[in-house]
Amino acid sequence: MNKLNFRFFAIVFGIWIADFFSKIAAEKALLGGEIIPLIGDLLQFRLVYNTGGVFGILQNNAIFFHIMTGIAIIALITYFIKTKEDHIIFQIAISFILGGAFGNFTDRFFRIGVVDFIDMGIGANRFPTYNIADTFITFGAILLAITFFFLTNEKASNTEKGSNQ
């Protein structure tokens, strides 16, 4: 089965488009520094430009993150193509991560930083502000972990059972 199929590209492109347009909407609605509460203080929209990495580490290192994100995208695509793993959860995980990576990669080239606008927390205890791309990267990483820890072990135990019979 060809892993680089319509579903794979549709998911990657769909995430990239959703992320792209959500960031445009966030910039228009929140540019003046407004905070829009969705669920009181727990969930709100607030515009932040992240010029660093995940959780805002290493701020103002744009060139470093351009290069690292590009390398990560190329490495992930190469791994995806070369690996023998073909489970649907694995394919969805990789497409989620790539869709999110392309979303944030686009921001690094065309904006002053990655646009983050989803703000969660209670009072002064806030999770770092994030975006749609970050959400899909996170869910993709969780699915990838599930693939490695559960599905790989399932295949190994099925192989052992087959060789013991």
N, C-alpha and C. Protein backbone atom coordinates (compact mmCIF):
# COMPACT_ATOMS: atom_id res chain seq x y z
N MET A 1 0.84 -1.18 0.00
CA MET A 1 0.00 0.00 0.00
C MET A 1 0.89 1.25 0.00
N ASN A 2 0.56 2.20 -0.83
CA ASN A 2 1.31 3.44 -0.91
C ASN A 2 0.91 4.37 0.24
N LYS A 3 1.86 4.70 1.10
CA LYS A 3 1.57 5.55 2.25
C LYS A 3 1.34 7.01 1.83
N LEU A 4 1.97 7.42 0.75
CA LEU A 4 1.78 8.79 0.27
C LEU A 4 0.55 8.82 -0.63
N ASN A 5 -0.62 8.69 0.00
CA ASN A 5 -1.87 8.60 -0.73
C ASN A 5 -2.71 9.86 -0.53
N PHE A 6 -3.89 9.84 -1.10
CA PHE A 6 -4.78 11.00 -1.03
C PHE A 6 -5.08 11.38 0.41
N ARG A 7 -5.39 10.38 1.26
CA ARG A 7 -5.73 10.65 2.66
C ARG A 7 -4.58 11.38 3.36
N PHE A 8 -3.36 10.90 3.14
CA PHE A 8 -2.19 11.51 3.77
C PHE A 8 -2.07 12.98 3.37
N PHE A 9 -2.10 13.26 2.07
CA PHE A 9 -1.95 14.64 1.60
C PHE A 9 -3.15 15.50 2.01
N ALA A 10 -4.35 14.93 2.02
CA ALA A 10 -5.54 15.69 2.42
C ALA A 10 -5.45 16.12 3.88
N ILE A 11 -4.96 15.23 4.73
CA ILE A 11 -4.83 15.57 6.16
C ILE A 11 -3.76 16.66 6.34
N VAL A 12 -2.60 16.47 5.73
CA VAL A 12 -1.52 17.46 5.86
C VAL A 12 -2.00 18.82 5.35
N PHE A 13 -2.58 18.84 4.16
CA PHE A 13 -3.04 20.10 3.56
C PHE A 13 -4.18 20.71 4.37
N GLY A 14 -5.11 19.87 4.84
CA GLY A 14 -6.24 20.37 5.63
C GLY A 14 -5.78 21.03 6.92
N ILE A 15 -4.83 20.43 7.59
CA ILE A 15 -4.30 21.02 8.83
C ILE A 15 -3.58 22.32 8.52
N TRP A 16 -2.78 22.32 7.47
CA TRP A 16 -2.06 23.54 7.10
C TRP A 16 -3.04 24.68 6.80
N ILE A 17 -4.10 24.39 6.04
CA ILE A 17 -5.10 25.41 5.68
C ILE A 17 -5.84 25.90 6.93
N ALA A 18 -6.29 24.96 7.78
CA ALA A 18 -7.01 25.35 9.00
C ALA A 18 -6.13 26.23 9.88
N ASP A 19 -4.87 25.85 10.01
CA ASP A 19 -3.93 26.63 10.82
C ASP A 19 -3.71 28.01 10.21
N PHE A 20 -3.48 28.04 8.91
CA PHE A 20 -3.22 29.30 8.20
C PHE A 20 -4.36 30.30 8.39
N PHE A 21 -5.60 29.85 8.14
CA PHE A 21 -6.73 30.76 8.22
C PHE A 21 -7.11 31.09 9.67
N SER A 22 -6.87 30.17 10.60
CA SER A 22 -7.14 30.50 12.00
C SER A 22 -6.20 31.59 12.49
N LYS A 23 -4.96 31.58 12.01
CA LYS A 23 -3.99 32.60 12.40
C LYS A 23 -4.34 33.95 11.79
N ILE A 24 -4.81 33.96 10.56
CA ILE A 24 -5.26 35.22 9.95
C ILE A 24 -6.43 35.79 10.75
N ALA A 25 -7.39 34.94 11.10
CA ALA A 25 -8.55 35.39 11.88
C ALA A 25 -8.11 35.90 13.25
N ALA A 26 -7.18 35.21 13.88
CA ALA A 26 -6.69 35.64 15.19
C ALA A 26 -6.01 37.00 15.10
N GLU A 27 -5.19 37.19 14.06
CA GLU A 27 -4.51 38.48 13.91
C GLU A 27 -5.51 39.61 13.71
N LYS A 28 -6.55 39.37 12.93
CA LYS A 28 -7.55 40.42 12.69
C LYS A 28 -8.36 40.73 13.95
N ALA A 29 -8.74 39.69 14.67
CA ALA A 29 -9.61 39.88 15.84
C ALA A 29 -8.85 40.35 17.08
N LEU A 30 -7.57 40.03 17.16
CA LEU A 30 -6.84 40.27 18.42
C LEU A 30 -5.67 41.23 18.29
N LEU A 31 -5.52 41.88 17.16
CA LEU A 31 -4.34 42.70 16.91
C LEU A 31 -4.16 43.84 17.90
N GLY A 32 -5.23 44.34 18.44
CA GLY A 32 -5.13 45.45 19.39
C GLY A 32 -4.81 45.01 20.80
N GLY A 33 -4.48 43.73 20.98
CA GLY A 33 -4.16 43.22 22.30
C GLY A 33 -5.37 42.73 23.08
N GLU A 34 -6.51 42.63 22.37
CA GLU A 34 -7.72 42.15 23.04
C GLU A 34 -7.55 40.71 23.51
N ILE A 35 -8.30 40.38 24.55
CA ILE A 35 -8.43 39.00 25.01
C ILE A 35 -9.90 38.65 24.88
N ILE A 36 -10.18 37.56 24.19
CA ILE A 36 -11.57 37.13 24.01
C ILE A 36 -11.79 35.87 24.85
N PRO A 37 -12.55 36.00 25.95
CA PRO A 37 -12.82 34.82 26.78
C PRO A 37 -13.80 33.88 26.07
N LEU A 38 -13.49 32.59 26.08
CA LEU A 38 -14.40 31.59 25.52
C LEU A 38 -15.09 30.82 26.64
N ILE A 39 -14.32 30.39 27.62
CA ILE A 39 -14.86 29.72 28.81
C ILE A 39 -14.24 30.44 30.00
N GLY A 40 -14.76 31.64 30.25
CA GLY A 40 -14.24 32.46 31.34
C GLY A 40 -12.74 32.67 31.22
N ASP A 41 -12.06 32.46 32.32
CA ASP A 41 -10.60 32.60 32.37
C ASP A 41 -9.90 31.32 31.91
N LEU A 42 -10.63 30.21 31.89
CA LEU A 42 -10.04 28.91 31.58
C LEU A 42 -9.55 28.81 30.13
N LEU A 43 -10.35 29.28 29.19
CA LEU A 43 -9.98 29.22 27.77
C LEU A 43 -10.30 30.56 27.13
N GLN A 44 -9.28 31.16 26.53
CA GLN A 44 -9.46 32.46 25.90
C GLN A 44 -8.54 32.58 24.70
N PHE A 45 -8.86 33.54 23.85
CA PHE A 45 -7.99 33.86 22.71
C PHE A 45 -7.18 35.09 23.06
N ARG A 46 -5.86 35.02 22.82
CA ARG A 46 -4.94 36.13 23.07
C ARG A 46 -3.81 36.00 22.06
N LEU A 47 -3.50 37.07 21.37
CA LEU A 47 -2.49 37.04 20.31
C LEU A 47 -1.08 37.17 20.87
N VAL A 48 -0.21 36.22 20.46
CA VAL A 48 1.19 36.23 20.86
C VAL A 48 2.01 35.84 19.63
N TYR A 49 3.11 36.53 19.41
CA TYR A 49 4.05 36.14 18.35
C TYR A 49 5.25 35.47 19.00
N ASN A 50 5.42 34.21 18.70
CA ASN A 50 6.50 33.42 19.29
C ASN A 50 7.67 33.39 18.31
N THR A 51 8.76 34.05 18.66
CA THR A 51 9.94 34.07 17.79
C THR A 51 10.96 33.01 18.22
N GLY A 52 10.52 32.14 19.14
CA GLY A 52 11.39 31.07 19.60
C GLY A 52 10.84 29.71 19.22
N GLY A 53 11.14 28.74 20.05
CA GLY A 53 10.69 27.37 19.81
C GLY A 53 9.49 27.04 20.67
N VAL A 54 9.29 25.76 20.90
CA VAL A 54 8.17 25.29 21.68
C VAL A 54 8.19 25.96 23.06
N PHE A 55 7.01 26.39 23.50
CA PHE A 55 6.84 27.08 24.78
C PHE A 55 7.65 28.36 24.86
N GLY A 56 8.04 28.92 23.72
CA GLY A 56 8.74 30.20 23.70
C GLY A 56 10.21 30.15 24.07
N ILE A 57 10.81 28.96 24.11
CA ILE A 57 12.23 28.89 24.45
C ILE A 57 13.09 29.47 23.33
N LEU A 58 14.24 29.97 23.67
CA LEU A 58 15.21 30.52 22.73
C LEU A 58 14.60 31.58 21.81
N GLN A 59 13.98 32.58 22.42
CA GLN A 59 13.37 33.66 21.65
C GLN A 59 14.40 34.37 20.76
N ASN A 60 13.92 34.89 19.64
CA ASN A 60 14.70 35.68 18.69
C ASN A 60 15.85 34.89 18.03
N ASN A 61 15.60 33.63 17.76
CA ASN A 61 16.56 32.79 17.04
C ASN A 61 15.90 32.24 15.78
N ALA A 62 15.36 33.15 14.97
CA ALA A 62 14.56 32.77 13.81
C ALA A 62 15.32 31.88 12.84
N ILE A 63 16.54 32.22 12.50
CA ILE A 63 17.31 31.44 11.53
C ILE A 63 17.50 30.01 12.04
N PHE A 64 17.84 29.86 13.30
CA PHE A 64 18.02 28.53 13.89
C PHE A 64 16.75 27.70 13.73
N PHE A 65 15.58 28.29 14.03
CA PHE A 65 14.33 27.54 13.95
C PHE A 65 13.87 27.31 12.52
N HIS A 66 14.22 28.21 11.59
CA HIS A 66 13.95 27.93 10.17
C HIS A 66 14.67 26.66 9.76
N ILE A 67 15.94 26.60 10.09
CA ILE A 67 16.79 25.47 9.70
C ILE A 67 16.32 24.19 10.40
N MET A 68 16.11 24.25 11.71
CA MET A 68 15.72 23.06 12.46
C MET A 68 14.36 22.52 12.02
N THR A 69 13.41 23.41 11.76
CA THR A 69 12.09 22.97 11.31
C THR A 69 12.20 22.33 9.93
N GLY A 70 12.98 22.93 9.05
CA GLY A 70 13.18 22.35 7.72
C GLY A 70 13.82 20.97 7.79
N ILE A 71 14.83 20.83 8.63
CA ILE A 71 15.49 19.53 8.81
C ILE A 71 14.50 18.50 9.38
N ALA A 72 13.72 18.91 10.36
CA ALA A 72 12.74 18.01 10.97
C ALA A 72 11.70 17.54 9.96
N ILE A 73 11.22 18.44 9.11
CA ILE A 73 10.24 18.08 8.10
C ILE A 73 10.84 17.07 7.12
N ILE A 74 12.03 17.34 6.64
CA ILE A 74 12.69 16.44 5.69
C ILE A 74 12.96 15.08 6.34
N ALA A 75 13.44 15.08 7.57
CA ALA A 75 13.72 13.82 8.28
C ALA A 75 12.45 13.01 8.49
N LEU A 76 11.36 13.67 8.85
CA LEU A 76 10.10 12.97 9.10
C LEU A 76 9.54 12.38 7.81
N ILE A 77 9.59 13.13 6.73
CA ILE A 77 9.11 12.61 5.44
C ILE A 77 9.97 11.42 5.01
N THR A 78 11.28 11.54 5.15
CA THR A 78 12.19 10.45 4.78
C THR A 78 11.90 9.20 5.61
N TYR A 79 11.77 9.37 6.91
CA TYR A 79 11.46 8.24 7.79
C TYR A 79 10.14 7.61 7.39
N PHE A 80 9.13 8.43 7.16
CA PHE A 80 7.80 7.94 6.80
C PHE A 80 7.86 7.08 5.53
N ILE A 81 8.59 7.54 4.54
CA ILE A 81 8.67 6.82 3.27
C ILE A 81 9.46 5.52 3.44
N LYS A 82 10.55 5.56 4.18
CA LYS A 82 11.45 4.40 4.28
C LYS A 82 11.02 3.32 5.27
N THR A 83 10.24 3.70 6.28
CA THR A 83 9.87 2.70 7.29
C THR A 83 8.88 1.69 6.72
N LYS A 84 8.91 0.52 7.29
CA LYS A 84 7.97 -0.53 6.88
C LYS A 84 6.63 -0.39 7.59
N GLU A 85 6.59 0.44 8.61
CA GLU A 85 5.34 0.63 9.36
C GLU A 85 4.29 1.23 8.43
N ASP A 86 3.11 0.60 8.39
CA ASP A 86 2.07 1.10 7.49
C ASP A 86 0.69 1.15 8.15
N HIS A 87 0.66 1.04 9.47
CA HIS A 87 -0.62 1.09 10.18
C HIS A 87 -1.27 2.46 9.99
N ILE A 88 -2.57 2.49 9.90
CA ILE A 88 -3.31 3.74 9.67
C ILE A 88 -3.03 4.77 10.77
N ILE A 89 -2.90 4.32 12.02
CA ILE A 89 -2.62 5.26 13.11
C ILE A 89 -1.25 5.91 12.90
N PHE A 90 -0.28 5.13 12.45
CA PHE A 90 1.04 5.67 12.15
C PHE A 90 0.95 6.73 11.05
N GLN A 91 0.21 6.43 9.99
CA GLN A 91 0.07 7.37 8.88
C GLN A 91 -0.62 8.66 9.31
N ILE A 92 -1.65 8.53 10.12
CA ILE A 92 -2.36 9.72 10.61
C ILE A 92 -1.45 10.52 11.53
N ALA A 93 -0.70 9.85 12.39
CA ALA A 93 0.23 10.54 13.30
C ALA A 93 1.22 11.38 12.53
N ILE A 94 1.85 10.78 11.52
CA ILE A 94 2.85 11.51 10.72
C ILE A 94 2.19 12.67 9.98
N SER A 95 1.00 12.44 9.43
CA SER A 95 0.34 13.54 8.70
C SER A 95 -0.05 14.67 9.63
N PHE A 96 -0.47 14.37 10.87
CA PHE A 96 -0.78 15.42 11.85
C PHE A 96 0.48 16.24 12.15
N ILE A 97 1.57 15.56 12.42
CA ILE A 97 2.82 16.26 12.76
C ILE A 97 3.30 17.12 11.59
N LEU A 98 3.26 16.56 10.39
CA LEU A 98 3.71 17.33 9.21
C LEU A 98 2.79 18.51 8.93
N GLY A 99 1.48 18.32 9.03
CA GLY A 99 0.55 19.43 8.81
C GLY A 99 0.83 20.58 9.76
N GLY A 100 1.04 20.25 11.04
CA GLY A 100 1.36 21.28 12.03
C GLY A 100 2.72 21.91 11.78
N ALA A 101 3.70 21.08 11.43
CA ALA A 101 5.05 21.60 11.18
C ALA A 101 5.04 22.57 9.99
N PHE A 102 4.31 22.21 8.94
CA PHE A 102 4.22 23.11 7.78
C PHE A 102 3.53 24.42 8.16
N GLY A 103 2.52 24.34 9.04
CA GLY A 103 1.83 25.55 9.48
C GLY A 103 2.77 26.50 10.20
N ASN A 104 3.52 26.00 11.16
CA ASN A 104 4.44 26.86 11.90
C ASN A 104 5.64 27.28 11.04
N PHE A 105 6.06 26.40 10.14
CA PHE A 105 7.17 26.72 9.22
C PHE A 105 6.78 27.90 8.32
N THR A 106 5.54 27.91 7.86
CA THR A 106 5.04 29.01 7.03
C THR A 106 5.10 30.32 7.80
N ASP A 107 4.67 30.30 9.05
CA ASP A 107 4.71 31.51 9.87
C ASP A 107 6.12 32.05 10.00
N ARG A 108 7.08 31.18 10.18
CA ARG A 108 8.46 31.62 10.38
C ARG A 108 8.99 32.41 9.18
N PHE A 109 8.44 32.15 8.01
CA PHE A 109 8.88 32.86 6.81
C PHE A 109 8.08 34.11 6.50
N PHE A 110 6.79 34.12 6.85
CA PHE A 110 5.93 35.20 6.39
C PHE A 110 5.39 36.11 7.49
N ARG A 111 5.74 35.84 8.72
CA ARG A 111 5.29 36.68 9.83
C ARG A 111 6.48 36.99 10.72
N ILE A 112 6.26 37.82 11.71
CA ILE A 112 7.36 38.18 12.62
C ILE A 112 7.65 37.07 13.63
N GLY A 113 6.83 36.07 13.66
CA GLY A 113 6.98 34.91 14.53
C GLY A 113 5.80 34.00 14.33
N VAL A 114 5.81 32.88 15.00
CA VAL A 114 4.69 31.96 14.92
C VAL A 114 3.52 32.57 15.69
N VAL A 115 2.37 32.61 15.04
CA VAL A 115 1.18 33.18 15.66
C VAL A 115 0.56 32.16 16.61
N ASP A 116 0.51 32.50 17.88
CA ASP A 116 -0.15 31.68 18.90
C ASP A 116 -1.33 32.49 19.44
N PHE A 117 -2.44 31.81 19.71
CA PHE A 117 -3.61 32.56 20.15
C PHE A 117 -4.52 31.81 21.09
N ILE A 118 -4.29 30.54 21.34
CA ILE A 118 -5.14 29.78 22.26
C ILE A 118 -4.46 29.80 23.62
N ASP A 119 -5.16 30.37 24.60
CA ASP A 119 -4.59 30.58 25.94
C ASP A 119 -5.46 29.84 26.96
N MET A 120 -4.84 28.91 27.68
CA MET A 120 -5.56 28.13 28.69
C MET A 120 -4.89 28.29 30.05
N GLY A 121 -5.72 28.28 31.09
CA GLY A 121 -5.18 28.33 32.44
C GLY A 121 -6.20 28.87 33.42
N ILE A 122 -5.74 29.01 34.64
CA ILE A 122 -6.58 29.57 35.68
C ILE A 122 -5.79 30.69 36.35
N GLY A 123 -6.32 31.89 36.27
CA GLY A 123 -5.64 33.04 36.87
C GLY A 123 -4.26 33.24 36.28
N ALA A 124 -3.26 33.33 37.15
CA ALA A 124 -1.88 33.54 36.70
C ALA A 124 -1.22 32.23 36.26
N ASN A 125 -1.85 31.10 36.51
CA ASN A 125 -1.31 29.80 36.11
C ASN A 125 -1.79 29.47 34.70
N ARG A 126 -0.97 29.83 33.71
CA ARG A 126 -1.34 29.69 32.31
C ARG A 126 -0.43 28.69 31.61
N PHE A 127 -1.00 27.91 30.73
CA PHE A 127 -0.22 27.05 29.85
C PHE A 127 0.34 27.95 28.76
N PRO A 128 1.51 27.68 28.19
CA PRO A 128 2.01 28.54 27.10
C PRO A 128 0.98 28.63 25.96
N THR A 129 0.79 29.83 25.45
CA THR A 129 -0.16 30.06 24.36
C THR A 129 0.26 29.25 23.14
N TYR A 130 -0.73 28.69 22.45
CA TYR A 130 -0.44 27.79 21.32
C TYR A 130 -1.41 28.04 20.19
N ASN A 131 -1.33 27.22 19.14
CA ASN A 131 -2.17 27.39 17.95
C ASN A 131 -2.66 26.04 17.44
N ILE A 132 -3.38 26.05 16.34
CA ILE A 132 -3.92 24.82 15.74
C ILE A 132 -2.78 23.88 15.34
N ALA A 133 -1.71 24.40 14.75
CA ALA A 133 -0.57 23.58 14.34
C ALA A 133 0.03 22.85 15.54
N ASP A 134 0.22 23.56 16.62
CA ASP A 134 0.78 22.96 17.83
C ASP A 134 -0.12 21.83 18.35
N THR A 135 -1.43 22.04 18.27
CA THR A 135 -2.39 21.03 18.71
C THR A 135 -2.22 19.74 17.91
N PHE A 136 -2.12 19.87 16.58
CA PHE A 136 -1.97 18.68 15.75
C PHE A 136 -0.60 18.03 15.92
N ILE A 137 0.43 18.81 16.12
CA ILE A 137 1.75 18.24 16.39
C ILE A 137 1.69 17.40 17.67
N THR A 138 1.03 17.94 18.69
CA THR A 138 0.91 17.22 19.97
C THR A 138 0.11 15.93 19.80
N PHE A 139 -1.06 16.01 19.17
CA PHE A 139 -1.87 14.80 18.96
C PHE A 139 -1.13 13.79 18.08
N GLY A 140 -0.41 14.29 17.08
CA GLY A 140 0.38 13.40 16.22
C GLY A 140 1.46 12.69 17.01
N ALA A 141 2.12 13.40 17.91
CA ALA A 141 3.16 12.79 18.74
C ALA A 141 2.56 11.73 19.67
N ILE A 142 1.38 12.00 20.21
CA ILE A 142 0.70 11.01 21.06
C ILE A 142 0.35 9.77 20.25
N LEU A 143 -0.20 9.96 19.06
CA LEU A 143 -0.54 8.82 18.19
C LEU A 143 0.71 8.05 17.79
N LEU A 144 1.80 8.77 17.54
CA LEU A 144 3.06 8.12 17.18
C LEU A 144 3.56 7.26 18.35
N ALA A 145 3.45 7.79 19.55
CA ALA A 145 3.85 7.01 20.74
C ALA A 145 2.98 5.76 20.87
N ILE A 146 1.69 5.91 20.63
CA ILE A 146 0.79 4.75 20.67
C ILE A 146 1.23 3.71 19.64
N THR A 147 1.56 4.19 18.45
CA THR A 147 2.03 3.28 17.40
C THR A 147 3.27 2.53 17.85
N PHE A 148 4.25 3.23 18.38
CA PHE A 148 5.51 2.60 18.77
C PHE A 148 5.34 1.66 19.97
N PHE A 149 4.58 2.09 20.98
CA PHE A 149 4.48 1.31 22.21
C PHE A 149 3.48 0.17 22.13
N PHE A 150 2.38 0.37 21.44
CA PHE A 150 1.34 -0.65 21.45
C PHE A 150 1.29 -1.47 20.16
N LEU A 151 1.29 -0.80 19.02
CA LEU A 151 1.15 -1.54 17.77
C LEU A 151 2.42 -2.29 17.41
N THR A 152 3.58 -1.72 17.70
CA THR A 152 4.84 -2.41 17.42
C THR A 152 4.96 -3.64 18.32
N ASN A 153 4.57 -3.49 19.60
CA ASN A 153 4.60 -4.64 20.51
C ASN A 153 3.60 -5.70 20.09
N GLU A 154 2.44 -5.28 19.59
CA GLU A 154 1.43 -6.22 19.12
C GLU A 154 1.96 -7.02 17.94
N LYS A 155 2.63 -6.35 17.00
CA LYS A 155 3.22 -7.05 15.84
C LYS A 155 4.30 -8.02 16.30
N ALA A 156 5.13 -7.59 17.25
CA ALA A 156 6.22 -8.45 17.74
C ALA A 156 5.65 -9.68 18.43
N SER A 157 4.60 -9.52 19.25
CA SER A 157 4.03 -10.68 19.93
C SER A 157 3.32 -11.60 18.95
N ASN A 158 2.70 -11.04 17.92
CA ASN A 158 2.07 -11.89 16.89
C ASN A 158 3.12 -12.67 16.11
N THR A 159 4.27 -12.05 15.85
CA THR A 159 5.36 -12.72 15.15
C THR A 159 5.91 -13.85 16.01
N GLU A 160 6.07 -13.59 17.33
CA GLU A 160 6.57 -14.63 18.23
C GLU A 160 5.59 -15.79 18.32
N LYS A 161 4.30 -15.51 18.40
CA LYS A 161 3.29 -16.56 18.46
C LYS A 161 3.32 -17.42 17.20
N GLY A 162 3.50 -16.76 16.06
CA GLY A 162 3.55 -17.47 14.78
C GLY A 162 4.77 -18.37 14.68
N SER A 163 5.91 -17.94 15.22
CA SER A 163 7.13 -18.75 15.13
C SER A 163 7.17 -19.87 16.16
N ASN A 164 6.35 -19.76 17.23
CA ASN A 164 6.31 -20.79 18.26
C ASN A 164 5.36 -21.92 17.90
N GLN A 165 4.56 -21.74 16.90
CA GLN A 165 3.57 -22.76 16.54
C GLN A 165 4.13 -23.73 15.53
